[in-house]
Amino acid sequence: MTHTTYRPHTTADERTGAMLSHLATIISMVISVGWLSFVGPLVMWLLNKDRSPFVRRAAAGSFNFNIGMWVMTIVGWICVFTVVLLPVGLVLMAIAAIATLWCHIKGAFRASRGETYDYPFQIRILS
């Protein structure tokens, strides 16, 4: 379940930073062919953790969700290599890819409006 909170006091820079935090995963995926997709949100979190709670929350959520999707993808690859579980592995990887794109783009749109976005599945590491 996602929960949206409007933050009326966010600046344009904070909204841009939060949008970049959500989109950093997609950018990192393209640059690293998917293997370092967690690096973009982590960098955004490190740069903004003490500057803006709004950007910090967006980057932490993006990172935490991305770690969960990364784990799902690894499990999918393991299933693919067992051959017997090939269909399961392909489904897991497809779900992870679609969920990653959908949720990060949705988070970026909400950030552009000054709203927070809670990802549906997160392994909470950053806060």
C-alpha atoms as a PDB file:
ATOM      1  CA  MET A   1       0.000   0.000   0.000  1.00  0.00           C
ATOM      2  CA  THR A   2       1.394   3.361  -0.946  1.00  0.00           C
ATOM      3  CA  HIS A   3       0.890   6.452   1.091  1.00  0.00           C
ATOM      4  CA  THR A   4       1.202   9.930  -0.363  1.00  0.00           C
ATOM      5  CA  THR A   5       1.962  12.988   1.708  1.00  0.00           C
ATOM      6  CA  TYR A   6       1.971  16.479   0.265  1.00  0.00           C
ATOM      7  CA  ARG A   7       4.882  18.608   1.400  1.00  0.00           C
ATOM      8  CA  PRO A   8       3.867  22.242   0.775  1.00  0.00           C
ATOM      9  CA  HIS A   9       7.202  23.654   1.914  1.00  0.00           C
ATOM     10  CA  THR A  10       9.478  21.856  -0.521  1.00  0.00           C
ATOM     11  CA  THR A  11      11.641  24.031  -2.700  1.00  0.00           C
ATOM     12  CA  ALA A  12      12.169  23.521  -6.407  1.00  0.00           C
ATOM     13  CA  ASP A  13      15.686  22.228  -5.651  1.00  0.00           C
ATOM     14  CA  GLU A  14      14.300  19.676  -3.196  1.00  0.00           C
ATOM     15  CA  ARG A  15      11.704  18.473  -5.695  1.00  0.00           C
ATOM     16  CA  THR A  16      14.410  18.169  -8.362  1.00  0.00           C
ATOM     17  CA  GLY A  17      16.690  16.284  -5.974  1.00  0.00           C
ATOM     18  CA  ALA A  18      13.886  13.916  -4.993  1.00  0.00           C
ATOM     19  CA  MET A  19      13.011  13.332  -8.659  1.00  0.00           C
ATOM     20  CA  LEU A  20      16.664  12.545  -9.412  1.00  0.00           C
ATOM     21  CA  SER A  21      16.738  10.187  -6.424  1.00  0.00           C
ATOM     22  CA  HIS A  22      13.872   8.212  -7.926  1.00  0.00           C
ATOM     23  CA  LEU A  23      15.246   8.312 -11.473  1.00  0.00           C
ATOM     24  CA  ALA A  24      18.846   7.589 -10.412  1.00  0.00           C
ATOM     25  CA  THR A  25      18.057   3.878 -10.382  1.00  0.00           C
ATOM     26  CA  ILE A  26      16.946   3.903 -14.005  1.00  0.00           C
ATOM     27  CA  ILE A  27      19.959   6.003 -15.016  1.00  0.00           C
ATOM     28  CA  SER A  28      22.312   3.667 -13.118  1.00  0.00           C
ATOM     29  CA  MET A  29      20.631   0.632 -14.695  1.00  0.00           C
ATOM     30  CA  VAL A  30      21.252   1.966 -18.180  1.00  0.00           C
ATOM     31  CA  ILE A  31      24.875   2.882 -17.478  1.00  0.00           C
ATOM     32  CA  SER A  32      25.751  -0.415 -15.738  1.00  0.00           C
ATOM     33  CA  VAL A  33      23.432  -2.745 -17.693  1.00  0.00           C
ATOM     34  CA  GLY A  34      21.436  -3.288 -14.512  1.00  0.00           C
ATOM     35  CA  TRP A  35      24.157  -4.456 -12.154  1.00  0.00           C
ATOM     36  CA  LEU A  36      24.799  -1.216 -10.263  1.00  0.00           C
ATOM     37  CA  SER A  37      21.288   0.185 -10.185  1.00  0.00           C
ATOM     38  CA  PHE A  38      21.474   0.798  -6.430  1.00  0.00           C
ATOM     39  CA  VAL A  39      24.463   3.175  -6.746  1.00  0.00           C
ATOM     40  CA  GLY A  40      22.492   6.202  -8.016  1.00  0.00           C
ATOM     41  CA  PRO A  41      20.042   6.381  -5.091  1.00  0.00           C
ATOM     42  CA  LEU A  42      22.886   5.675  -2.635  1.00  0.00           C
ATOM     43  CA  VAL A  43      24.910   8.603  -3.997  1.00  0.00           C
ATOM     44  CA  MET A  44      21.846  10.868  -3.810  1.00  0.00           C
ATOM     45  CA  TRP A  45      21.240   9.762  -0.201  1.00  0.00           C
ATOM     46  CA  LEU A  46      24.881  10.395   0.763  1.00  0.00           C
ATOM     47  CA  LEU A  47      24.841  13.855  -0.825  1.00  0.00           C
ATOM     48  CA  ASN A  48      21.509  14.909   0.704  1.00  0.00           C
ATOM     49  CA  LYS A  49      21.105  13.013   3.978  1.00  0.00           C
ATOM     50  CA  ASP A  50      21.917  16.082   6.085  1.00  0.00           C
ATOM     51  CA  ARG A  51      20.562  18.742   3.703  1.00  0.00           C
ATOM     52  CA  SER A  52      16.962  17.863   2.953  1.00  0.00           C
ATOM     53  CA  PRO A  53      14.664  15.383   4.714  1.00  0.00           C
ATOM     54  CA  PHE A  54      12.483  15.302   1.582  1.00  0.00           C
ATOM     55  CA  VAL A  55      15.346  14.284  -0.725  1.00  0.00           C
ATOM     56  CA  ARG A  56      16.805  11.938   1.901  1.00  0.00           C
ATOM     57  CA  ARG A  57      13.487  10.107   2.218  1.00  0.00           C
ATOM     58  CA  ALA A  58      13.124   9.793  -1.567  1.00  0.00           C
ATOM     59  CA  ALA A  59      16.679   8.481  -1.976  1.00  0.00           C
ATOM     60  CA  ALA A  60      16.358   6.045   0.940  1.00  0.00           C
ATOM     61  CA  GLY A  61      13.058   4.671  -0.370  1.00  0.00           C
ATOM     62  CA  SER A  62      14.481   4.334  -3.856  1.00  0.00           C
ATOM     63  CA  PHE A  63      17.579   2.541  -2.571  1.00  0.00           C
ATOM     64  CA  ASN A  64      15.642   0.228  -0.238  1.00  0.00           C
ATOM     65  CA  PHE A  65      13.125  -0.742  -2.922  1.00  0.00           C
ATOM     66  CA  ASN A  66      15.908  -1.261  -5.430  1.00  0.00           C
ATOM     67  CA  ILE A  67      17.740  -3.662  -3.118  1.00  0.00           C
ATOM     68  CA  GLY A  68      14.569  -5.759  -2.896  1.00  0.00           C
ATOM     69  CA  MET A  69      14.222  -5.831  -6.669  1.00  0.00           C
ATOM     70  CA  TRP A  70      17.917  -6.662  -6.984  1.00  0.00           C
ATOM     71  CA  VAL A  71      17.451  -9.668  -4.664  1.00  0.00           C
ATOM     72  CA  MET A  72      14.444 -10.780  -6.735  1.00  0.00           C
ATOM     73  CA  THR A  73      16.523 -10.539  -9.910  1.00  0.00           C
ATOM     74  CA  ILE A  74      19.356 -12.596  -8.399  1.00  0.00           C
ATOM     75  CA  VAL A  75      16.873 -15.277  -7.309  1.00  0.00           C
ATOM     76  CA  GLY A  76      15.492 -15.168 -10.863  1.00  0.00           C
ATOM     77  CA  TRP A  77      18.972 -15.724 -12.326  1.00  0.00           C
ATOM     78  CA  ILE A  78      19.570 -18.634  -9.950  1.00  0.00           C
ATOM     79  CA  CYS A  79      16.280 -20.167 -11.101  1.00  0.00           C
ATOM     80  CA  VAL A  80      17.244 -19.662 -14.751  1.00  0.00           C
ATOM     81  CA  PHE A  81      20.531 -21.512 -14.214  1.00  0.00           C
ATOM     82  CA  THR A  82      18.759 -24.508 -12.649  1.00  0.00           C
ATOM     83  CA  VAL A  83      16.954 -24.953 -15.995  1.00  0.00           C
ATOM     84  CA  VAL A  84      14.018 -26.719 -14.276  1.00  0.00           C
ATOM     85  CA  LEU A  85      12.930 -23.407 -12.752  1.00  0.00           C
ATOM     86  CA  LEU A  86      13.606 -21.434 -15.928  1.00  0.00           C
ATOM     87  CA  PRO A  87       9.985 -20.209 -16.276  1.00  0.00           C
ATOM     88  CA  VAL A  88       9.909 -19.087 -12.635  1.00  0.00           C
ATOM     89  CA  GLY A  89      13.202 -17.251 -13.046  1.00  0.00           C
ATOM     90  CA  LEU A  90      12.056 -15.434 -16.160  1.00  0.00           C
ATOM     91  CA  VAL A  91       8.819 -14.370 -14.465  1.00  0.00           C
ATOM     92  CA  LEU A  92      10.696 -13.099 -11.397  1.00  0.00           C
ATOM     93  CA  MET A  93      13.113 -11.084 -13.534  1.00  0.00           C
ATOM     94  CA  ALA A  94      10.269  -9.636 -15.611  1.00  0.00           C
ATOM     95  CA  ILE A  95       8.318  -8.642 -12.491  1.00  0.00           C
ATOM     96  CA  ALA A  96      11.425  -7.014 -10.995  1.00  0.00           C
ATOM     97  CA  ALA A  97      12.140  -5.060 -14.194  1.00  0.00           C
ATOM     98  CA  ILE A  98       8.559  -3.842 -14.646  1.00  0.00           C
ATOM     99  CA  ALA A  99       8.127  -2.986 -10.950  1.00  0.00           C
ATOM    100  CA  THR A 100      11.427  -1.108 -10.945  1.00  0.00           C
ATOM    101  CA  LEU A 101      10.502   1.050 -13.916  1.00  0.00           C
ATOM    102  CA  TRP A 102       6.897   1.614 -12.806  1.00  0.00           C
ATOM    103  CA  CYS A 103       7.637   2.508  -9.186  1.00  0.00           C
ATOM    104  CA  HIS A 104      10.634   4.752  -9.860  1.00  0.00           C
ATOM    105  CA  ILE A 105       8.807   6.705 -12.562  1.00  0.00           C
ATOM    106  CA  LYS A 106       5.738   6.998 -10.309  1.00  0.00           C
ATOM    107  CA  GLY A 107       7.981   8.214  -7.468  1.00  0.00           C
ATOM    108  CA  ALA A 108       9.585  10.816  -9.739  1.00  0.00           C
ATOM    109  CA  PHE A 109       6.200  12.171 -10.811  1.00  0.00           C
ATOM    110  CA  ARG A 110       5.062  12.449  -7.207  1.00  0.00           C
ATOM    111  CA  ALA A 111       8.311  14.154  -6.204  1.00  0.00           C
ATOM    112  CA  SER A 112       7.837  16.699  -8.981  1.00  0.00           C
ATOM    113  CA  ARG A 113       4.572  17.685  -7.265  1.00  0.00           C
ATOM    114  CA  GLY A 114       6.228  17.863  -3.845  1.00  0.00           C
ATOM    115  CA  GLU A 115       4.673  14.591  -2.649  1.00  0.00           C
ATOM    116  CA  THR A 116       6.440  11.720  -0.938  1.00  0.00           C
ATOM    117  CA  TYR A 117       6.209   8.208  -2.343  1.00  0.00           C
ATOM    118  CA  ASP A 118       6.392   5.036  -0.300  1.00  0.00           C
ATOM    119  CA  TYR A 119       7.567   2.087  -2.360  1.00  0.00           C
ATOM    120  CA  PRO A 120       5.445  -1.074  -2.050  1.00  0.00           C
ATOM    121  CA  PHE A 121       8.277  -3.455  -1.140  1.00  0.00           C
ATOM    122  CA  GLN A 122      11.425  -2.385   0.626  1.00  0.00           C
ATOM    123  CA  ILE A 123      14.276  -3.994   2.480  1.00  0.00           C
ATOM    124  CA  ARG A 124      14.830  -1.157   4.930  1.00  0.00           C
ATOM    125  CA  ILE A 125      18.529  -0.359   5.042  1.00  0.00           C
ATOM    126  CA  LEU A 126      18.591   3.434   4.691  1.00  0.00           C
ATOM    127  CA  SER A 127      16.214   5.845   6.365  1.00  0.00           C
END
